[in-house]
C-alpha atoms as a PDB file:
ATOM      1  CA  MET A   1     -90.166  -1.592  26.463  1.00  0.00           C
ATOM      2  CA  ILE A   2     -92.429   0.504  28.836  1.00  0.00           C
ATOM      3  CA  ASP A   3     -92.119  -0.354  32.341  1.00  0.00           C
ATOM      4  CA  ASP A   4     -95.633  -0.453  33.724  1.00  0.00           C
ATOM      5  CA  SER A   5     -94.622  -0.683  37.230  1.00  0.00           C
ATOM      6  CA  LYS A   6     -94.157   3.088  37.612  1.00  0.00           C
ATOM      7  CA  ASP A   7     -97.787   3.426  37.060  1.00  0.00           C
ATOM      8  CA  PRO A   8     -97.666   6.397  34.598  1.00  0.00           C
ATOM      9  CA  LYS A   9    -100.442   8.863  34.524  1.00  0.00           C
ATOM     10  CA  ASP A  10    -102.562   9.003  31.361  1.00  0.00           C
ATOM     11  CA  THR A  11    -102.146  12.143  29.582  1.00  0.00           C
ATOM     12  CA  SER A  12    -104.077  11.432  26.442  1.00  0.00           C
ATOM     13  CA  HIS A  13    -102.964  13.554  23.423  1.00  0.00           C
ATOM     14  CA  ALA A  14    -101.037  16.072  25.713  1.00  0.00           C
ATOM     15  CA  TRP A  15     -99.329  18.985  24.224  1.00  0.00           C
ATOM     16  CA  VAL A  16     -95.651  18.433  23.740  1.00  0.00           C
ATOM     17  CA  ARG A  17     -94.761  21.362  25.895  1.00  0.00           C
ATOM     18  CA  GLU A  18     -96.892  19.799  28.803  1.00  0.00           C
ATOM     19  CA  LEU A  19     -95.485  16.532  28.634  1.00  0.00           C
ATOM     20  CA  LYS A  20     -93.596  15.495  31.883  1.00  0.00           C
ATOM     21  CA  ASP A  21     -91.436  12.352  33.079  1.00  0.00           C
ATOM     22  CA  ASN A  22     -93.602   9.068  33.261  1.00  0.00           C
ATOM     23  CA  ASP A  23     -96.536  10.285  31.247  1.00  0.00           C
ATOM     24  CA  ARG A  24     -98.487   7.773  29.114  1.00  0.00           C
ATOM     25  CA  VAL A  25     -99.157   9.216  25.684  1.00  0.00           C
ATOM     26  CA  ASN A  26    -101.664   8.535  22.963  1.00  0.00           C
ATOM     27  CA  GLY A  27    -102.434  10.962  20.362  1.00  0.00           C
ATOM     28  CA  LEU A  28    -101.639  12.389  16.877  1.00  0.00           C
ATOM     29  CA  TYR A  29     -98.399  14.064  16.483  1.00  0.00           C
ATOM     30  CA  LEU A  30     -96.232  15.090  13.151  1.00  0.00           C
ATOM     31  CA  ALA A  31     -93.199  13.227  12.482  1.00  0.00           C
ATOM     32  CA  ARG A  32     -91.041  16.122  11.645  1.00  0.00           C
ATOM     33  CA  GLU A  33     -87.681  14.026  11.437  1.00  0.00           C
ATOM     34  CA  LYS A  34     -86.925  10.453  11.000  1.00  0.00           C
ATOM     35  CA  LYS A  35     -83.465   8.454  11.600  1.00  0.00           C
ATOM     36  CA  VAL A  36     -82.239   5.189  11.752  1.00  0.00           C
ATOM     37  CA  GLY A  37     -79.571   4.325  14.413  1.00  0.00           C
ATOM     38  CA  GLN A  38     -77.670   1.489  15.714  1.00  0.00           C
ATOM     39  CA  THR A  39     -77.519   0.280  19.517  1.00  0.00           C
ATOM     40  CA  LYS A  40     -74.157  -0.925  20.959  1.00  0.00           C
ATOM     41  CA  LYS A  41     -75.028  -4.365  20.120  1.00  0.00           C
ATOM     42  CA  GLY A  42     -75.966  -3.742  16.452  1.00  0.00           C
ATOM     43  CA  ASP A  43     -79.833  -3.761  16.588  1.00  0.00           C
ATOM     44  CA  PRO A  44     -81.500  -0.979  14.882  1.00  0.00           C
ATOM     45  CA  PHE A  45     -83.555   1.674  16.504  1.00  0.00           C
ATOM     46  CA  LEU A  46     -85.723   4.402  15.105  1.00  0.00           C
ATOM     47  CA  SER A  47     -85.543   8.010  16.222  1.00  0.00           C
ATOM     48  CA  ILE A  48     -88.387  10.326  15.515  1.00  0.00           C
ATOM     49  CA  THR A  49     -88.995  13.936  16.108  1.00  0.00           C
ATOM     50  CA  LEU A  50     -92.524  14.540  17.056  1.00  0.00           C
ATOM     51  CA  SER A  51     -94.019  17.615  17.087  1.00  0.00           C
ATOM     52  CA  ASP A  52     -97.323  19.669  17.627  1.00  0.00           C
ATOM     53  CA  ARG A  53     -97.774  23.476  17.644  1.00  0.00           C
ATOM     54  CA  THR A  54     -96.278  23.632  21.089  1.00  0.00           C
ATOM     55  CA  GLY A  55     -92.874  22.298  20.386  1.00  0.00           C
ATOM     56  CA  ASP A  56     -90.818  18.859  19.354  1.00  0.00           C
ATOM     57  CA  ILE A  57     -89.738  15.881  21.457  1.00  0.00           C
ATOM     58  CA  GLU A  58     -87.585  12.974  20.422  1.00  0.00           C
ATOM     59  CA  ALA A  59     -89.208   9.734  20.490  1.00  0.00           C
ATOM     60  CA  ARG A  60     -87.579   5.970  20.144  1.00  0.00           C
ATOM     61  CA  VAL A  61     -88.724   2.839  18.558  1.00  0.00           C
ATOM     62  CA  TRP A  62     -86.525  -0.106  20.072  1.00  0.00           C
ATOM     63  CA  ASP A  63     -88.691  -3.312  18.647  1.00  0.00           C
ATOM     64  CA  ASN A  64     -89.410  -3.558  15.018  1.00  0.00           C
ATOM     65  CA  ALA A  65     -87.859  -0.385  14.315  1.00  0.00           C
ATOM     66  CA  LEU A  66     -87.069  -0.885  10.387  1.00  0.00           C
ATOM     67  CA  GLU A  67     -90.742  -2.470  10.014  1.00  0.00           C
ATOM     68  CA  LEU A  68     -92.443   0.496  11.949  1.00  0.00           C
ATOM     69  CA  GLY A  69     -90.256   3.033  10.072  1.00  0.00           C
ATOM     70  CA  SER A  70     -91.027   1.939   6.512  1.00  0.00           C
ATOM     71  CA  LEU A  71     -94.848   2.800   7.488  1.00  0.00           C
ATOM     72  CA  PHE A  72     -94.414   6.650   7.119  1.00  0.00           C
ATOM     73  CA  ARG A  73     -92.239   9.638   5.858  1.00  0.00           C
ATOM     74  CA  GLU A  74     -91.326  12.773   7.070  1.00  0.00           C
ATOM     75  CA  GLY A  75     -94.145  15.190   7.255  1.00  0.00           C
ATOM     76  CA  ASP A  76     -96.667  12.277   7.826  1.00  0.00           C
ATOM     77  CA  ILE A  77     -99.278  12.433  10.816  1.00  0.00           C
ATOM     78  CA  LEU A  78     -98.851   9.662  13.037  1.00  0.00           C
ATOM     79  CA  GLU A  79    -100.987   8.233  15.986  1.00  0.00           C
ATOM     80  CA  VAL A  80     -98.678   6.969  18.504  1.00  0.00           C
ATOM     81  CA  GLN A  81     -98.517   5.352  21.949  1.00  0.00           C
ATOM     82  CA  GLY A  82     -95.772   5.508  24.259  1.00  0.00           C
ATOM     83  CA  GLN A  83     -94.444   6.687  27.712  1.00  0.00           C
ATOM     84  CA  THR A  84     -92.129   9.570  28.494  1.00  0.00           C
ATOM     85  CA  GLY A  85     -88.939   9.302  30.644  1.00  0.00           C
ATOM     86  CA  SER A  86     -85.931  11.660  31.544  1.00  0.00           C
ATOM     87  CA  TYR A  87     -82.649  11.093  29.560  1.00  0.00           C
ATOM     88  CA  LYS A  88     -79.767  13.704  30.103  1.00  0.00           C
ATOM     89  CA  GLY A  89     -82.348  16.169  31.700  1.00  0.00           C
ATOM     90  CA  GLN A  90     -84.757  16.040  28.553  1.00  0.00           C
ATOM     91  CA  ILE A  91     -88.017  14.410  28.318  1.00  0.00           C
ATOM     92  CA  GLN A  92     -88.141  11.803  25.792  1.00  0.00           C
ATOM     93  CA  LEU A  93     -90.669   9.528  24.475  1.00  0.00           C
ATOM     94  CA  THR A  94     -90.337   5.794  24.153  1.00  0.00           C
ATOM     95  CA  LEU A  95     -92.955   4.455  21.575  1.00  0.00           C
ATOM     96  CA  SER A  96     -94.754   1.104  21.875  1.00  0.00           C
ATOM     97  CA  GLY A  97     -96.716   1.664  18.819  1.00  0.00           C
ATOM     98  CA  LEU A  98     -97.275   3.803  15.818  1.00  0.00           C
ATOM     99  CA  LYS A  99     -99.491   4.044  12.651  1.00  0.00           C
ATOM    100  CA  LEU A 100    -100.146   6.269  10.064  1.00  0.00           C
ATOM    101  CA  SER A 101    -102.958   8.577  10.473  1.00  0.00           C
ATOM    102  CA  GLU A 102    -105.048   9.888   7.328  1.00  0.00           C
ATOM    103  CA  THR A 103    -106.793  12.614   9.671  1.00  0.00           C
ATOM    104  CA  GLY A 104    -105.581  15.333  11.800  1.00  0.00           C
ATOM    105  CA  ASP A 105    -106.681  19.084  12.296  1.00  0.00           C
ATOM    106  CA  PRO A 106    -103.857  21.332  11.138  1.00  0.00           C
ATOM    107  CA  ALA A 107    -104.358  23.583  13.972  1.00  0.00           C
ATOM    108  CA  LEU A 108    -103.046  20.732  16.019  1.00  0.00           C
ATOM    109  CA  PHE A 109     -99.524  21.098  14.396  1.00  0.00           C
ATOM    110  CA  MET A 110     -99.405  24.724  13.156  1.00  0.00           C
ATOM    111  CA  GLU A 111     -98.317  27.344  15.475  1.00  0.00           C
ATOM    112  CA  THR A 112    -100.115  30.710  15.219  1.00  0.00           C
ATOM    113  CA  THR A 113     -99.070  34.138  16.296  1.00  0.00           C
ATOM    114  CA  PRO A 114    -100.043  34.874  19.703  1.00  0.00           C
ATOM    115  CA  CYS A 115    -101.038  38.490  18.244  1.00  0.00           C
ATOM    116  CA  ASP A 116    -104.354  39.247  16.818  1.00  0.00           C
ATOM    117  CA  ILE A 117    -103.890  39.191  12.898  1.00  0.00           C
ATOM    118  CA  THR A 118    -106.789  41.584  12.111  1.00  0.00           C
ATOM    119  CA  GLU A 119    -105.128  44.174  14.673  1.00  0.00           C
ATOM    120  CA  MET A 120    -101.847  43.527  13.536  1.00  0.00           C
ATOM    121  CA  MET A 121    -102.582  44.396   9.682  1.00  0.00           C
ATOM    122  CA  ASN A 122    -104.613  47.428  10.923  1.00  0.00           C
ATOM    123  CA  SER A 123    -101.562  48.571  12.768  1.00  0.00           C
ATOM    124  CA  LEU A 124     -99.259  47.848   9.703  1.00  0.00           C
ATOM    125  CA  ARG A 125    -101.707  49.946   7.594  1.00  0.00           C
ATOM    126  CA  GLY A 126    -101.489  52.610   9.955  1.00  0.00           C
ATOM    127  CA  VAL A 127     -97.662  52.617  10.196  1.00  0.00           C
ATOM    128  CA  VAL A 128     -97.000  52.673   6.526  1.00  0.00           C
ATOM    129  CA  LYS A 129     -99.403  55.614   6.282  1.00  0.00           C
ATOM    130  CA  LYS A 130     -96.650  57.684   7.932  1.00  0.00           C
ATOM    131  CA  ILE A 131     -94.833  57.521   4.664  1.00  0.00           C
ATOM    132  CA  LYS A 132     -94.966  60.957   3.150  1.00  0.00           C
ATOM    133  CA  ASP A 133     -93.010  60.659  -0.206  1.00  0.00           C
ATOM    134  CA  THR A 134     -95.731  60.387  -2.597  1.00  0.00           C
ATOM    135  CA  HIS A 135     -93.880  57.720  -4.797  1.00  0.00           C
ATOM    136  CA  LEU A 136     -93.203  55.452  -2.049  1.00  0.00           C
ATOM    137  CA  LYS A 137     -96.682  56.100  -0.497  1.00  0.00           C
ATOM    138  CA  ALA A 138     -98.387  55.016  -3.774  1.00  0.00           C
ATOM    139  CA  LEU A 139     -96.204  51.866  -4.248  1.00  0.00           C
ATOM    140  CA  SER A 140     -96.993  50.584  -0.558  1.00  0.00           C
ATOM    141  CA  ASP A 141    -100.635  51.393  -1.087  1.00  0.00           C
ATOM    142  CA  ARG A 142    -100.548  49.289  -4.214  1.00  0.00           C
ATOM    143  CA  PHE A 143     -99.545  46.233  -2.057  1.00  0.00           C
ATOM    144  CA  LEU A 144    -101.741  46.876   0.613  1.00  0.00           C
ATOM    145  CA  SER A 145    -104.738  47.155  -1.743  1.00  0.00           C
ATOM    146  CA  ASP A 146    -103.854  44.135  -3.496  1.00  0.00           C
ATOM    147  CA  HIS A 147    -106.474  41.625  -1.977  1.00  0.00           C
ATOM    148  CA  ASP A 148    -104.541  38.305  -3.036  1.00  0.00           C
ATOM    149  CA  PHE A 149    -101.258  39.761  -1.665  1.00  0.00           C
ATOM    150  CA  ALA A 150    -102.721  41.027   1.826  1.00  0.00           C
ATOM    151  CA  GLU A 151    -104.497  37.657   2.344  1.00  0.00           C
ATOM    152  CA  GLN A 152    -101.404  36.012   1.874  1.00  0.00           C
ATOM    153  CA  PHE A 153     -98.915  38.224   3.708  1.00  0.00           C
ATOM    154  CA  LYS A 154    -101.193  38.251   6.881  1.00  0.00           C
ATOM    155  CA  ARG A 155    -101.084  34.350   7.240  1.00  0.00           C
ATOM    156  CA  CYS A 156     -97.563  33.484   5.855  1.00  0.00           C
ATOM    157  CA  PRO A 157     -94.919  32.521   8.264  1.00  0.00           C
ATOM    158  CA  ALA A 158     -91.517  34.391   8.376  1.00  0.00           C
ATOM    159  CA  ALA A 159     -89.176  31.278   8.289  1.00  0.00           C
ATOM    160  CA  LYS A 160     -89.266  27.444   8.372  1.00  0.00           C
ATOM    161  CA  ASN A 161     -87.549  27.147  11.689  1.00  0.00           C
ATOM    162  CA  PHE A 162     -85.666  29.971  13.520  1.00  0.00           C
ATOM    163  CA  HIS A 163     -87.983  33.146  13.976  1.00  0.00           C
ATOM    164  CA  HIS A 164     -91.363  34.042  13.512  1.00  0.00           C
ATOM    165  CA  SER A 165     -91.862  30.480  12.079  1.00  0.00           C
ATOM    166  CA  TYR A 166     -95.877  30.289  12.496  1.00  0.00           C
ATOM    167  CA  ILE A 167     -99.039  31.350  10.997  1.00  0.00           C
ATOM    168  CA  GLY A 168     -98.920  35.158  10.911  1.00  0.00           C
ATOM    169  CA  GLY A 169     -95.316  35.502  11.728  1.00  0.00           C
ATOM    170  CA  LEU A 170     -94.419  37.476   8.629  1.00  0.00           C
ATOM    171  CA  LEU A 171     -96.821  39.977   9.446  1.00  0.00           C
ATOM    172  CA  GLU A 172     -95.985  40.209  13.114  1.00  0.00           C
ATOM    173  CA  HIS A 173     -92.290  40.331  12.141  1.00  0.00           C
ATOM    174  CA  THR A 174     -92.915  43.183   9.404  1.00  0.00           C
ATOM    175  CA  LEU A 175     -94.970  45.124  11.746  1.00  0.00           C
ATOM    176  CA  SER A 176     -92.161  45.115  14.385  1.00  0.00           C
ATOM    177  CA  VAL A 177     -89.553  46.089  11.838  1.00  0.00           C
ATOM    178  CA  CYS A 178     -91.473  48.914  10.584  1.00  0.00           C
ATOM    179  CA  ARG A 179     -92.219  50.161  14.035  1.00  0.00           C
ATOM    180  CA  MET A 180     -88.497  50.091  14.695  1.00  0.00           C
ATOM    181  CA  ALA A 181     -87.780  51.940  11.493  1.00  0.00           C
ATOM    182  CA  VAL A 182     -89.766  54.850  12.552  1.00  0.00           C
ATOM    183  CA  GLN A 183     -87.989  55.056  15.811  1.00  0.00           C
ATOM    184  CA  VAL A 184     -84.575  54.588  14.385  1.00  0.00           C
ATOM    185  CA  SER A 185     -84.973  57.200  11.708  1.00  0.00           C
ATOM    186  CA  GLY A 186     -86.438  59.692  14.212  1.00  0.00           C
ATOM    187  CA  HIS A 187     -83.129  58.923  16.241  1.00  0.00           C
ATOM    188  CA  TYR A 188     -80.835  59.675  13.248  1.00  0.00           C
ATOM    189  CA  PRO A 189     -81.748  62.663  11.223  1.00  0.00           C
ATOM    190  CA  LYS A 190     -79.442  61.884   8.365  1.00  0.00           C
ATOM    191  CA  ILE A 191     -81.702  58.826   7.591  1.00  0.00           C
ATOM    192  CA  ASP A 192     -84.302  59.168   4.853  1.00  0.00           C
ATOM    193  CA  GLY A 193     -87.180  57.871   7.113  1.00  0.00           C
ATOM    194  CA  ASP A 194     -89.603  57.279   4.228  1.00  0.00           C
ATOM    195  CA  LEU A 195     -87.090  55.162   2.368  1.00  0.00           C
ATOM    196  CA  LEU A 196     -86.430  53.166   5.275  1.00  0.00           C
ATOM    197  CA  LEU A 197     -89.941  52.688   6.351  1.00  0.00           C
ATOM    198  CA  ALA A 198     -91.123  51.546   2.785  1.00  0.00           C
ATOM    199  CA  GLY A 199     -87.857  49.062   2.777  1.00  0.00           C
ATOM    200  CA  ALA A 200     -88.984  47.837   6.159  1.00  0.00           C
ATOM    201  CA  PHE A 201     -92.489  47.135   4.956  1.00  0.00           C
ATOM    202  CA  LEU A 202     -91.172  45.392   1.496  1.00  0.00           C
ATOM    203  CA  HIS A 203     -88.138  43.638   2.605  1.00  0.00           C
ATOM    204  CA  ASP A 204     -89.513  40.218   3.134  1.00  0.00           C
ATOM    205  CA  ILE A 205     -92.797  40.220   0.778  1.00  0.00           C
ATOM    206  CA  GLY A 206     -91.032  37.509  -1.303  1.00  0.00           C
ATOM    207  CA  LYS A 207     -91.525  34.994   1.680  1.00  0.00           C
ATOM    208  CA  ILE A 208     -95.462  34.453   0.437  1.00  0.00           C
ATOM    209  CA  LYS A 209     -94.037  32.749  -2.711  1.00  0.00           C
ATOM    210  CA  GLU A 210     -91.162  31.419  -0.713  1.00  0.00           C
ATOM    211  CA  PHE A 211     -93.153  29.183   1.621  1.00  0.00           C
ATOM    212  CA  LYS A 212     -95.759  26.824   1.615  1.00  0.00           C
ATOM    213  CA  TYR A 213     -97.470  25.765   4.757  1.00  0.00           C
ATOM    214  CA  GLY A 214    -100.277  23.134   5.899  1.00  0.00           C
ATOM    215  CA  THR A 215     -99.420  20.822   8.620  1.00  0.00           C
ATOM    216  CA  VAL A 216     -95.722  21.707   8.203  1.00  0.00           C
ATOM    217  CA  ILE A 217     -93.818  24.754   6.894  1.00  0.00           C
ATOM    218  CA  ASP A 218     -91.676  24.052   3.684  1.00  0.00           C
ATOM    219  CA  TYR A 219     -90.178  25.723   0.761  1.00  0.00           C
ATOM    220  CA  THR A 220     -91.830  26.107  -2.567  1.00  0.00           C
ATOM    221  CA  ASP A 221     -89.933  25.182  -5.659  1.00  0.00           C
ATOM    222  CA  GLU A 222     -89.314  28.899  -6.569  1.00  0.00           C
ATOM    223  CA  GLY A 223     -88.454  29.410  -2.846  1.00  0.00           C
ATOM    224  CA  ARG A 224     -85.687  26.979  -3.012  1.00  0.00           C
ATOM    225  CA  LEU A 225     -84.612  27.853  -6.766  1.00  0.00           C
ATOM    226  CA  LEU A 226     -84.514  31.753  -6.111  1.00  0.00           C
ATOM    227  CA  GLY A 227     -85.083  32.504  -2.434  1.00  0.00           C
ATOM    228  CA  HIS A 228     -87.450  35.254  -0.962  1.00  0.00           C
ATOM    229  CA  VAL A 229     -84.740  38.079  -1.647  1.00  0.00           C
ATOM    230  CA  ILE A 230     -84.822  37.618  -5.401  1.00  0.00           C
ATOM    231  CA  LEU A 231     -88.761  36.823  -5.321  1.00  0.00           C
ATOM    232  CA  GLY A 232     -89.307  40.168  -3.553  1.00  0.00           C
ATOM    233  CA  VAL A 233     -87.328  42.268  -6.234  1.00  0.00           C
ATOM    234  CA  GLY A 234     -89.279  40.695  -8.827  1.00  0.00           C
ATOM    235  CA  MET A 235     -92.553  41.372  -6.866  1.00  0.00           C
ATOM    236  CA  LEU A 236     -91.412  45.246  -6.793  1.00  0.00           C
ATOM    237  CA  ASP A 237     -90.712  45.071 -10.389  1.00  0.00           C
ATOM    238  CA  GLU A 238     -93.932  44.118 -11.095  1.00  0.00           C
ATOM    239  CA  LYS A 239     -95.735  47.058  -9.269  1.00  0.00           C
ATOM    240  CA  LEU A 240     -93.212  49.632 -10.275  1.00  0.00           C
ATOM    241  CA  ALA A 241     -93.645  48.669 -14.151  1.00  0.00           C
ATOM    242  CA  SER A 242     -97.278  50.295 -14.065  1.00  0.00           C
ATOM    243  CA  MET A 243     -95.878  53.546 -12.241  1.00  0.00           C
ATOM    244  CA  LYS A 244     -94.044  55.176 -14.966  1.00  0.00           C
ATOM    245  CA  LYS A 245     -93.328  58.314 -13.082  1.00  0.00           C
ATOM    246  CA  PHE A 246     -91.820  56.441 -10.327  1.00  0.00           C
ATOM    247  CA  PRO A 247     -87.943  58.026  -9.525  1.00  0.00           C
ATOM    248  CA  GLU A 248     -85.345  55.747 -10.998  1.00  0.00           C
ATOM    249  CA  GLU A 249     -83.203  56.410  -8.204  1.00  0.00           C
ATOM    250  CA  THR A 250     -85.605  55.794  -5.450  1.00  0.00           C
ATOM    251  CA  ALA A 251     -86.348  52.410  -7.045  1.00  0.00           C
ATOM    252  CA  LEU A 252     -82.802  51.547  -7.469  1.00  0.00           C
ATOM    253  CA  ARG A 253     -82.217  52.145  -3.683  1.00  0.00           C
ATOM    254  CA  LEU A 254     -85.707  50.487  -2.814  1.00  0.00           C
ATOM    255  CA  LYS A 255     -84.504  47.305  -4.508  1.00  0.00           C
ATOM    256  CA  HIS A 256     -80.958  47.496  -2.729  1.00  0.00           C
ATOM    257  CA  LEU A 257     -82.818  47.509   0.444  1.00  0.00           C
ATOM    258  CA  VAL A 258     -84.237  44.219  -0.397  1.00  0.00           C
ATOM    259  CA  LEU A 259     -81.355  42.728  -1.941  1.00  0.00           C
ATOM    260  CA  SER A 260     -78.815  43.636   1.069  1.00  0.00           C
ATOM    261  CA  HIS A 261     -81.212  43.193   4.230  1.00  0.00           C
ATOM    262  CA  HIS A 262     -79.450  39.957   5.247  1.00  0.00           C
ATOM    263  CA  GLY A 263     -76.300  41.872   5.456  1.00  0.00           C
ATOM    264  CA  GLU A 264     -73.471  39.419   4.557  1.00  0.00           C
ATOM    265  CA  TYR A 265     -73.039  36.996   1.508  1.00  0.00           C
ATOM    266  CA  GLU A 266     -72.804  34.151   4.013  1.00  0.00           C
ATOM    267  CA  PHE A 267     -76.178  34.801   5.378  1.00  0.00           C
ATOM    268  CA  GLY A 268     -77.576  34.592   1.930  1.00  0.00           C
ATOM    269  CA  SER A 269     -77.548  38.347   0.993  1.00  0.00           C
ATOM    270  CA  PRO A 270     -76.901  38.822  -2.911  1.00  0.00           C
ATOM    271  CA  LYS A 271     -75.681  42.395  -2.045  1.00  0.00           C
ATOM    272  CA  ARG A 272     -74.173  43.779   1.115  1.00  0.00           C
ATOM    273  CA  PRO A 273     -75.572  47.314   2.477  1.00  0.00           C
ATOM    274  CA  LYS A 274     -74.190  50.244   0.778  1.00  0.00           C
ATOM    275  CA  PHE A 275     -75.839  53.329   2.238  1.00  0.00           C
ATOM    276  CA  LEU A 276     -77.218  54.454   5.640  1.00  0.00           C
ATOM    277  CA  GLU A 277     -81.057  53.014   5.129  1.00  0.00           C
ATOM    278  CA  ALA A 278     -79.632  49.658   3.975  1.00  0.00           C
ATOM    279  CA  PHE A 279     -77.452  49.281   7.077  1.00  0.00           C
ATOM    280  CA  ALA A 280     -80.174  50.323   9.385  1.00  0.00           C
ATOM    281  CA  LEU A 281     -82.476  48.084   7.808  1.00  0.00           C
ATOM    282  CA  HIS A 282     -80.350  44.974   8.068  1.00  0.00           C
ATOM    283  CA  MET A 283     -79.620  45.710  11.833  1.00  0.00           C
ATOM    284  CA  ILE A 284     -83.338  46.269  12.578  1.00  0.00           C
ATOM    285  CA  ASP A 285     -84.125  43.118  10.773  1.00  0.00           C
ATOM    286  CA  ASP A 286     -81.536  41.047  12.321  1.00  0.00           C
ATOM    287  CA  LEU A 287     -82.442  42.247  15.851  1.00  0.00           C
ATOM    288  CA  ASP A 288     -86.202  41.625  15.611  1.00  0.00           C
ATOM    289  CA  ALA A 289     -85.503  37.843  14.145  1.00  0.00           C
ATOM    290  CA  LYS A 290     -82.942  37.349  16.934  1.00  0.00           C
ATOM    291  CA  MET A 291     -84.949  38.392  19.758  1.00  0.00           C
ATOM    292  CA  ASN A 292     -87.921  36.368  18.782  1.00  0.00           C
ATOM    293  CA  GLY A 293     -85.929  33.245  17.890  1.00  0.00           C
ATOM    294  CA  ILE A 294     -84.010  33.233  20.900  1.00  0.00           C
ATOM    295  CA  ALA A 295     -87.084  33.996  23.024  1.00  0.00           C
ATOM    296  CA  ARG A 296     -88.962  31.074  21.421  1.00  0.00           C
ATOM    297  CA  TYR A 297     -85.899  28.623  21.827  1.00  0.00           C
ATOM    298  CA  MET A 298     -85.853  29.342  25.625  1.00  0.00           C
ATOM    299  CA  GLU A 299     -89.676  29.038  25.977  1.00  0.00           C
ATOM    300  CA  ARG A 300     -89.583  25.804  24.011  1.00  0.00           C
ATOM    301  CA  ASP A 301     -86.528  24.053  25.793  1.00  0.00           C
ATOM    302  CA  THR A 302     -87.300  21.247  27.574  1.00  0.00           C
ATOM    303  CA  LYS A 303     -84.080  20.750  29.644  1.00  0.00           C
ATOM    304  CA  GLU A 304     -84.291  20.958  33.404  1.00  0.00           C
ATOM    305  CA  GLY A 305     -82.665  23.677  35.269  1.00  0.00           C
ATOM    306  CA  SER A 306     -82.253  27.330  34.728  1.00  0.00           C
ATOM    307  CA  TRP A 307     -80.043  26.772  31.376  1.00  0.00           C
ATOM    308  CA  THR A 308     -81.145  25.648  28.037  1.00  0.00           C
ATOM    309  CA  ASP A 309     -79.785  22.537  25.874  1.00  0.00           C
ATOM    310  CA  PHE A 310     -76.634  23.911  23.851  1.00  0.00           C
ATOM    311  CA  ASN A 311     -77.864  26.114  21.008  1.00  0.00           C
ATOM    312  CA  ARG A 312     -75.764  25.392  18.001  1.00  0.00           C
ATOM    313  CA  MET A 313     -76.776  28.380  16.052  1.00  0.00           C
ATOM    314  CA  PHE A 314     -75.309  30.874  18.749  1.00  0.00           C
ATOM    315  CA  ASP A 315     -72.747  28.426  20.054  1.00  0.00           C
ATOM    316  CA  ARG A 316     -73.661  28.605  23.510  1.00  0.00           C
ATOM    317  CA  TYR A 317     -76.037  27.610  26.175  1.00  0.00           C
ATOM    318  CA  LEU A 318     -78.878  30.280  27.227  1.00  0.00           C
ATOM    319  CA  LEU A 319     -80.047  31.535  30.602  1.00  0.00           C
ATOM    320  CA  LYS A 320     -83.625  30.632  30.601  1.00  0.00           C
ATOM    321  CA  GLY A 321     -84.090  30.903  34.749  1.00  0.00           C
ATOM    322  CA  GLY A 322     -82.777  32.330  37.726  1.00  0.00           C
ATOM    323  CA  VAL A 323     -79.310  32.549  38.752  1.00  0.00           C
ATOM    324  CA  ALA A 324     -78.151  30.161  41.320  1.00  0.00           C
ATOM    325  CA  ALA A 325     -75.875  31.350  43.909  1.00  0.00           C
ATOM    326  CA  ALA A 326     -72.114  31.367  43.600  1.00  0.00           C
ATOM    327  CA  ALA A 327     -70.108  28.326  44.591  1.00  0.00           C
ATOM    328  CA  GLU A 328     -68.318  28.889  47.982  1.00  0.00           C
ATOM    329  CA  ASP A 329     -65.561  26.305  47.051  1.00  0.00           C
ATOM    330  CA  GLU A 330     -62.527  28.092  45.885  1.00  0.00           C
ATOM    331  CA  SER A 331     -61.614  25.420  43.785  1.00  0.00           C
ATOM    332  CA  TYR A 332     -64.947  25.547  41.624  1.00  0.00           C
ATOM    333  CA  THR A 333     -64.319  26.451  37.823  1.00  0.00           C
ATOM    334  CA  ALA A 334     -67.046  27.194  35.602  1.00  0.00           C
ATOM    335  CA  PRO A 335     -67.216  25.034  32.550  1.00  0.00           C
ATOM    336  CA  VAL A 336     -65.385  26.252  29.488  1.00  0.00           C
ATOM    337  CA  GLU A 337     -67.870  26.880  26.420  1.00  0.00           C
ATOM    338  CA  ASN A 338     -65.247  27.821  23.838  1.00  0.00           C
ATOM    339  CA  ASN A 339     -61.603  28.333  23.266  1.00  0.00           C
ATOM    340  CA  ARG A 340     -61.316  28.308  19.453  1.00  0.00           C
ATOM    341  CA  GLN A 341     -59.507  31.311  19.460  1.00  0.00           C
ATOM    342  CA  GLY A 342     -57.175  30.436  22.092  1.00  0.00           C
ATOM    343  CA  LEU A 343     -59.216  32.142  25.060  1.00  0.00           C
ATOM    344  CA  LEU A 344     -61.064  30.833  27.609  1.00  0.00           C
ATOM    345  CA  PHE A 345     -64.726  32.086  27.907  1.00  0.00           C
ATOM    346  CA  ARG A 346     -66.135  31.190  31.416  1.00  0.00           C
ATOM    347  CA  ASP A 347     -69.764  31.884  32.101  1.00  0.00           C
END
């Protein structure tokens, strides 16, 4: 129950990122996840991950949990009332009421790239123009001149959760990978710069068929069944079918770039890289994805202090703030993060 004695300040429909301890909340949020748990006394409670375009917050319903939980499904928009509190250094929301909402501006819930989409699209066209090989240049032009492809490509997210998971994310990620491809090929003269740049541009094109997005990013049926790597090779084949003079070896190498860019089988890669350009593309793609994903995780983390909450993907805490002065007490021992290999990792 809400403790009114704290005299919470009214922050009607505040962005999740702006919520602080002891705020009263009344607004529309997306129910991203829903789970039913039990208290130590055996009473049911409802745990809901609520979100808007700025982040997520865990909400709890302690009274009438089963009844209220039956009113909505994951992905629904809820009108909620409640009050925030701090629990283990995290801001948590205790709900006093909720109901299903039939309205809600998608802009409230879908994050958009911080970059200008038109400017990025123009920049991408400019970078791709650096391709000198006539066949690769013609193939790239066929994609960029395809109006339906370009319209989907510039709005599509690059992922559901981890990196560039917002409107325009695929374009932002692809432009970054292309720019790095130009730099890498300039640094390593043995790399075929045209092939690497074409692969950088085309490596994730299948994502326009893999994802659907309205108020939430989710997978299409063909996205779940095939995935963007296979879908991307299919899109390549469609364009190549009308280019009778396209060299077979170049087509084969280009398709390998798409098929191997995830690097390892356990990361969803049908093939592992087999030549220089494929290794380079995998590492560039991986670098850009991780830099974006880690930075966004730090930015959206609500834990108090200089360190984020434990990140399960990277199996560690991440430093998001300043470094505290070293402890003067000689008995101080830093916490052990991981000793799975019999080693003590002290940070």
